[in-house]
């Protein structure tokens, strides 16, 4: 079945989805974005993702010319139009990209001269790159590049300008081709990964950076909610590389993989070098929350 995508008021086959080379998405990387995933073909926290999308749009003064309720309905229409593309045990991304529309080169890049460009599509959730990390853990590496400071761009504004993250990820992979970046801010504090948040466990307390220097992740919030239900103490605080190097457990959270354990940090073992018990408890609780085995789904794609 041909994938259908939504672009500025129309649902069209993906081969017919086109935008102008003068769109601000291309000219200025002036695009707000969200990525939601499904579990058992059911969107997970889609309303929260759209709420965050509209917060980003407000801060960047992009008018999508539809309400959040209309965006939700349109998104579900796109998802339902593509549902037959995904096998019973497969899930998908639901992606929003919204730009200011046509950009005019000149003195004022903020002028919105026409309708915004609203793009919504679904894509197969390919979990193979992360599958082995659930049991083996990944290698977290701090790259040379630092986070764009929040004084310049608030990290809670989720946007498509990903070049700083891409460069940081490339630098981490100079140390280990399979490394996952742990990006620091200008003060040397732990911030975030290219697409996720970072947690550590020290003496039974689950800790994560505040949203002063990182995205207010939906998966981050889910991990904190699950920890509260399990009676695990949590703390949103300032973290330094020292705290990760000496932690008992470290893990990442993000939409596709939910929780990705890290058993090595800057070549040093985290704790005993194995996936820790609190990480495993949170993963099991997340699987229970969504009614499916998250780890088994990823590993089945490899086998």
Protein backbone atom coordinates (compact mmCIF):
# COMPACT_ATOMS: atom_id res chain seq x y z
CA UNK A 1 0.00 0.00 0.00
CA UNK A 2 1.33 3.44 -0.94
CA UNK A 3 2.13 5.64 2.03
CA UNK A 4 -0.10 8.70 2.34
CA UNK A 5 1.32 11.92 3.76
CA UNK A 6 -0.35 15.17 4.75
CA UNK A 7 1.01 18.41 3.41
CA UNK A 8 -0.67 21.77 3.87
CA UNK A 9 -4.27 20.66 3.71
CA UNK A 10 -3.99 17.60 1.47
CA UNK A 11 -3.47 13.89 1.97
CA UNK A 12 -1.38 12.70 -0.98
CA UNK A 13 0.82 9.74 -1.96
CA UNK A 14 4.33 10.33 -0.68
CA UNK A 15 5.72 10.67 -4.23
CA UNK A 16 3.47 13.70 -4.72
CA UNK A 17 4.47 15.43 -1.47
CA UNK A 18 6.53 18.47 -2.41
CA UNK A 19 7.50 21.79 -0.86
CA UNK A 20 9.10 24.86 -2.38
CA UNK A 21 12.88 25.21 -2.33
CA UNK A 22 12.12 28.65 -0.88
CA UNK A 23 10.26 27.25 2.11
CA UNK A 24 11.64 28.44 5.44
CA UNK A 25 12.17 24.77 6.37
CA UNK A 26 14.93 24.71 3.74
CA UNK A 27 16.06 28.33 3.69
CA UNK A 28 16.29 28.79 7.47
CA UNK A 29 15.72 25.37 9.12
CA UNK A 30 12.79 27.26 10.61
CA UNK A 31 10.68 24.23 11.47
CA UNK A 32 9.06 22.92 14.64
CA UNK A 33 8.76 19.18 15.01
CA UNK A 34 7.36 16.31 17.06
CA UNK A 35 7.79 12.55 16.82
CA UNK A 36 5.30 10.21 18.48
CA UNK A 37 5.38 6.42 18.39
CA UNK A 38 2.74 3.74 18.55
CA UNK A 39 2.51 0.63 20.70
CA UNK A 40 0.36 -2.15 19.27
CA UNK A 41 -0.83 0.37 16.65
CA UNK A 42 -2.02 2.82 19.30
CA UNK A 43 -0.41 6.30 19.45
CA UNK A 44 1.34 6.87 22.78
CA UNK A 45 0.76 10.24 24.44
CA UNK A 46 -0.10 11.89 21.12
CA UNK A 47 -2.05 14.64 22.88
CA UNK A 48 1.02 15.55 24.98
CA UNK A 49 3.21 15.65 21.89
CA UNK A 50 0.78 17.97 20.13
CA UNK A 51 0.55 20.15 23.23
CA UNK A 52 4.35 20.49 23.23
CA UNK A 53 4.30 21.18 19.49
CA UNK A 54 1.93 24.10 20.03
CA UNK A 55 4.12 25.46 22.80
CA UNK A 56 7.06 25.45 20.36
CA UNK A 57 4.92 27.11 17.69
CA UNK A 58 3.84 29.80 20.15
CA UNK A 59 7.39 30.61 21.19
CA UNK A 60 8.56 30.79 17.57
CA UNK A 61 5.47 32.71 16.46
CA UNK A 62 4.52 30.23 13.75
CA UNK A 63 0.77 30.15 13.15
CA UNK A 64 -0.21 26.64 11.95
CA UNK A 65 -3.68 27.98 11.03
CA UNK A 66 -5.41 25.12 12.76
CA UNK A 67 -6.26 24.46 16.40
CA UNK A 68 -4.59 21.77 18.47
CA UNK A 69 -7.83 19.78 18.31
CA UNK A 70 -7.84 20.03 14.51
CA UNK A 71 -4.19 18.99 14.44
CA UNK A 72 -5.00 15.94 16.55
CA UNK A 73 -7.89 14.92 14.29
CA UNK A 74 -5.82 15.43 11.13
CA UNK A 75 -2.95 13.44 12.63
CA UNK A 76 -5.22 10.52 13.46
CA UNK A 77 -6.61 10.64 9.90
CA UNK A 78 -3.07 10.35 8.52
CA UNK A 79 -2.28 7.50 10.90
CA UNK A 80 -5.45 5.59 10.03
CA UNK A 81 -4.87 6.07 6.30
CA UNK A 82 -1.51 4.30 6.65
CA UNK A 83 -2.36 1.65 9.22
CA UNK A 84 -2.47 -1.17 6.69
CA UNK A 85 1.22 -0.54 5.92
CA UNK A 86 2.27 -1.93 9.30
CA UNK A 87 2.23 -5.59 10.21
CA UNK A 88 0.56 -6.78 13.39
CA UNK A 89 3.73 -6.68 15.50
CA UNK A 90 5.23 -3.59 13.87
CA UNK A 91 4.79 -0.03 15.05
CA UNK A 92 5.43 3.36 13.54
CA UNK A 93 6.53 6.93 14.08
CA UNK A 94 4.02 9.74 13.65
CA UNK A 95 6.01 12.82 12.66
CA UNK A 96 5.03 16.50 12.53
CA UNK A 97 7.14 19.13 10.74
CA UNK A 98 5.69 22.64 10.60
CA UNK A 99 7.48 25.56 9.00
CA UNK A 100 6.65 29.23 8.60
CA UNK A 101 6.13 28.71 4.86
CA UNK A 102 7.71 30.60 1.99
CA UNK A 103 10.71 32.64 3.10
CA UNK A 104 11.80 35.83 1.37
CA UNK A 105 15.51 36.52 1.40
CA UNK A 106 16.05 39.98 2.76
CA UNK A 107 16.23 42.10 5.85
CA UNK A 108 13.48 40.43 7.88
CA UNK A 109 13.41 36.60 8.02
CA UNK A 110 10.49 36.61 10.45
CA UNK A 111 7.87 37.71 7.93
CA UNK A 112 5.30 34.99 7.24
CA UNK A 113 4.17 35.80 3.70
CA UNK A 114 1.64 33.04 3.24
CA UNK A 115 0.32 29.85 4.72
CA UNK A 116 2.54 27.69 6.92
CA UNK A 117 3.76 24.36 5.61
CA UNK A 118 2.22 21.59 7.72
CA UNK A 119 3.72 18.15 7.12
CA UNK A 120 2.54 14.96 8.85
CA UNK A 121 3.69 11.45 7.98
CA UNK A 122 4.14 7.97 9.44
CA UNK A 123 7.22 5.77 9.16
CA UNK A 124 8.06 2.22 10.20
CA UNK A 125 9.58 2.08 13.69
CA UNK A 126 12.96 0.49 12.95
CA UNK A 127 14.35 -0.59 16.33
CA UNK A 128 17.27 -2.69 15.08
CA UNK A 129 19.97 -0.07 15.83
CA UNK A 130 19.04 -0.08 19.52
CA UNK A 131 18.03 -3.72 20.06
CA UNK A 132 21.30 -5.02 21.53
CA UNK A 133 21.60 -2.13 23.98
CA UNK A 134 18.66 -3.41 26.05
CA UNK A 135 20.78 -6.34 27.23
CA UNK A 136 24.36 -5.18 26.61
CA UNK A 137 24.00 -1.48 27.33
CA UNK A 138 25.42 1.27 25.15
CA UNK A 139 28.59 3.35 25.48
CA UNK A 140 27.83 6.94 26.49
CA UNK A 141 30.51 9.38 25.31
CA UNK A 142 30.84 13.13 25.88
CA UNK A 143 31.70 14.85 22.57
CA UNK A 144 33.80 17.98 22.19
CA UNK A 145 30.88 20.08 20.98
CA UNK A 146 28.56 21.59 23.58
CA UNK A 147 24.84 22.27 23.71
CA UNK A 148 23.53 25.42 22.11
CA UNK A 149 23.14 27.54 25.27
CA UNK A 150 19.61 28.02 26.54
CA UNK A 151 20.25 31.77 26.53
CA UNK A 152 20.35 31.47 22.72
CA UNK A 153 17.72 28.79 22.13
CA UNK A 154 15.57 27.30 24.88
CA UNK A 155 16.00 23.50 24.60
CA UNK A 156 12.29 23.06 25.31
CA UNK A 157 11.55 24.43 21.83
CA UNK A 158 11.64 21.24 19.77
CA UNK A 159 12.90 22.18 16.34
CA UNK A 160 14.42 20.63 13.23
CA UNK A 161 17.72 22.53 13.44
CA UNK A 162 19.70 19.37 14.28
CA UNK A 163 23.19 20.24 13.04
CA UNK A 164 24.72 20.80 16.53
CA UNK A 165 23.42 17.39 17.65
CA UNK A 166 24.64 15.70 14.48
CA UNK A 167 28.15 17.10 14.89
CA UNK A 168 28.20 16.04 18.55
CA UNK A 169 27.13 12.53 17.59
CA UNK A 170 29.88 12.35 14.96
CA UNK A 171 32.46 13.35 17.56
CA UNK A 172 31.25 10.72 20.03
CA UNK A 173 31.61 8.09 17.31
CA UNK A 174 35.27 9.01 16.86
CA UNK A 175 35.76 7.34 20.25
CA UNK A 176 33.47 4.39 19.55
CA UNK A 177 31.55 3.85 16.29
CA UNK A 178 28.58 2.60 18.32
CA UNK A 179 28.75 5.37 20.96
CA UNK A 180 25.75 7.42 22.00
CA UNK A 181 26.50 11.06 22.72
CA UNK A 182 26.07 12.63 26.14
CA UNK A 183 26.26 16.33 25.36
CA UNK A 184 27.41 18.82 27.99
CA UNK A 185 26.40 22.46 28.26
CA UNK A 186 28.85 25.38 28.29
CA UNK A 187 29.35 24.97 32.06
CA UNK A 188 30.24 21.29 31.70
CA UNK A 189 26.88 20.07 33.06
CA UNK A 190 25.23 16.98 31.56
CA UNK A 191 22.50 18.10 29.15
CA UNK A 192 21.06 15.60 26.68
CA UNK A 193 21.63 13.15 23.85
CA UNK A 194 21.02 13.94 20.17
CA UNK A 195 17.44 12.75 20.59
CA UNK A 196 16.92 11.83 24.21
CA UNK A 197 17.29 12.61 27.88
CA UNK A 198 19.82 11.17 30.33
CA UNK A 199 19.31 9.54 33.73
CA UNK A 200 21.59 8.03 36.33
CA UNK A 201 20.98 6.03 39.49
CA UNK A 202 23.14 6.67 42.54
CA UNK A 203 22.50 4.90 45.85
CA UNK A 204 18.92 4.13 44.85
CA UNK A 205 18.03 7.66 43.74
CA UNK A 206 17.07 8.27 40.10
CA UNK A 207 18.54 11.55 38.86
CA UNK A 208 18.15 13.54 35.65
CA UNK A 209 19.09 17.08 34.56
CA UNK A 210 16.51 19.82 34.93
CA UNK A 211 14.97 21.25 31.76
CA UNK A 212 17.15 24.35 32.08
CA UNK A 213 19.58 22.74 29.63
CA UNK A 214 17.64 19.91 27.99
CA UNK A 215 14.39 19.07 26.26
CA UNK A 216 11.35 18.45 28.46
CA UNK A 217 11.02 14.97 26.97
CA UNK A 218 7.73 13.09 26.94
CA UNK A 219 9.70 9.88 27.54
CA UNK A 220 11.63 11.65 30.32
CA UNK A 221 8.33 12.50 32.00
CA UNK A 222 7.11 8.91 31.55
CA UNK A 223 10.22 7.51 33.26
CA UNK A 224 9.71 9.89 36.20
CA UNK A 225 6.03 8.92 36.44
CA UNK A 226 6.87 5.21 36.44
CA UNK A 227 9.57 5.72 39.06
CA UNK A 228 7.06 7.44 41.32
CA UNK A 229 4.63 4.52 40.96
CA UNK A 230 7.42 2.07 41.79
CA UNK A 231 8.49 4.06 44.86
CA UNK A 232 11.88 4.96 43.40
CA UNK A 233 13.13 8.34 44.72
CA UNK A 234 13.77 10.87 41.94
CA UNK A 235 15.68 14.11 41.68
CA UNK A 236 15.83 16.69 38.88
CA UNK A 237 19.19 18.32 39.44
CA UNK A 238 22.53 19.45 38.02
CA UNK A 239 24.69 16.54 36.90
CA UNK A 240 28.37 16.52 35.96
CA UNK A 241 30.34 13.83 34.11
CA UNK A 242 31.68 12.77 37.51
CA UNK A 243 28.13 11.80 38.54
CA UNK A 244 27.73 9.52 35.54
CA UNK A 245 31.19 7.98 35.90
CA UNK A 246 30.51 7.10 39.54
CA UNK A 247 26.81 6.17 39.15
CA UNK A 248 25.43 2.70 39.71
CA UNK A 249 23.32 2.89 36.54
CA UNK A 250 22.92 5.19 33.54
CA UNK A 251 20.26 5.17 30.84
CA UNK A 252 18.76 7.31 28.08
CA UNK A 253 15.07 7.92 27.37
CA UNK A 254 13.60 8.70 23.96
CA UNK A 255 10.47 8.07 21.89
CA UNK A 256 11.61 5.06 19.80
CA UNK A 257 13.41 2.89 22.35
CA UNK A 258 11.80 4.28 25.55
CA UNK A 259 14.76 3.34 27.79
CA UNK A 260 18.26 2.58 26.51
CA UNK A 261 20.65 1.30 29.20
CA UNK A 262 24.24 2.54 29.21
CA UNK A 263 26.84 0.25 30.75
CA UNK A 264 29.92 2.27 29.80
CA UNK A 265 30.72 5.99 30.12
CA UNK A 266 33.78 7.49 28.43
CA UNK A 267 35.34 3.99 28.28
CA UNK A 268 34.72 3.36 32.02
CA UNK A 269 32.22 0.72 33.19
CA UNK A 270 29.03 2.10 34.74
CA UNK A 271 28.53 0.32 38.06
CA UNK A 272 29.36 -3.34 37.53
CA UNK A 273 29.20 -2.94 33.76
CA UNK A 274 25.79 -4.59 33.46
CA UNK A 275 22.26 -3.30 32.98
CA UNK A 276 21.12 -2.31 36.46
CA UNK A 277 18.07 -3.46 38.46
CA UNK A 278 16.28 -0.09 38.51
CA UNK A 279 16.70 0.28 34.75
CA UNK A 280 15.23 -3.20 34.30
CA UNK A 281 12.32 -2.40 36.64
CA UNK A 282 11.49 0.76 34.74
CA UNK A 283 11.65 -1.04 31.40
CA UNK A 284 9.32 -3.75 32.70
CA UNK A 285 6.92 -1.11 34.06
CA UNK A 286 6.91 0.69 30.71
CA UNK A 287 6.13 -2.58 28.93
CA UNK A 288 3.26 -3.16 31.35
CA UNK A 289 2.00 0.39 30.77
CA UNK A 290 1.75 -0.07 27.00
CA UNK A 291 0.64 -3.71 27.07
CA UNK A 292 3.56 -5.21 25.18
CA UNK A 293 7.17 -6.32 25.69
CA UNK A 294 9.26 -3.38 24.45
CA UNK A 295 12.53 -5.30 24.51
CA UNK A 296 11.12 -8.36 22.75
CA UNK A 297 9.69 -6.21 19.95
CA UNK A 298 13.09 -4.65 19.23
CA UNK A 299 14.97 -7.92 19.42
CA UNK A 300 12.46 -9.67 17.14
CA UNK A 301 13.42 -7.24 14.36
CA UNK A 302 17.01 -8.48 14.52
CA UNK A 303 16.25 -12.19 14.66
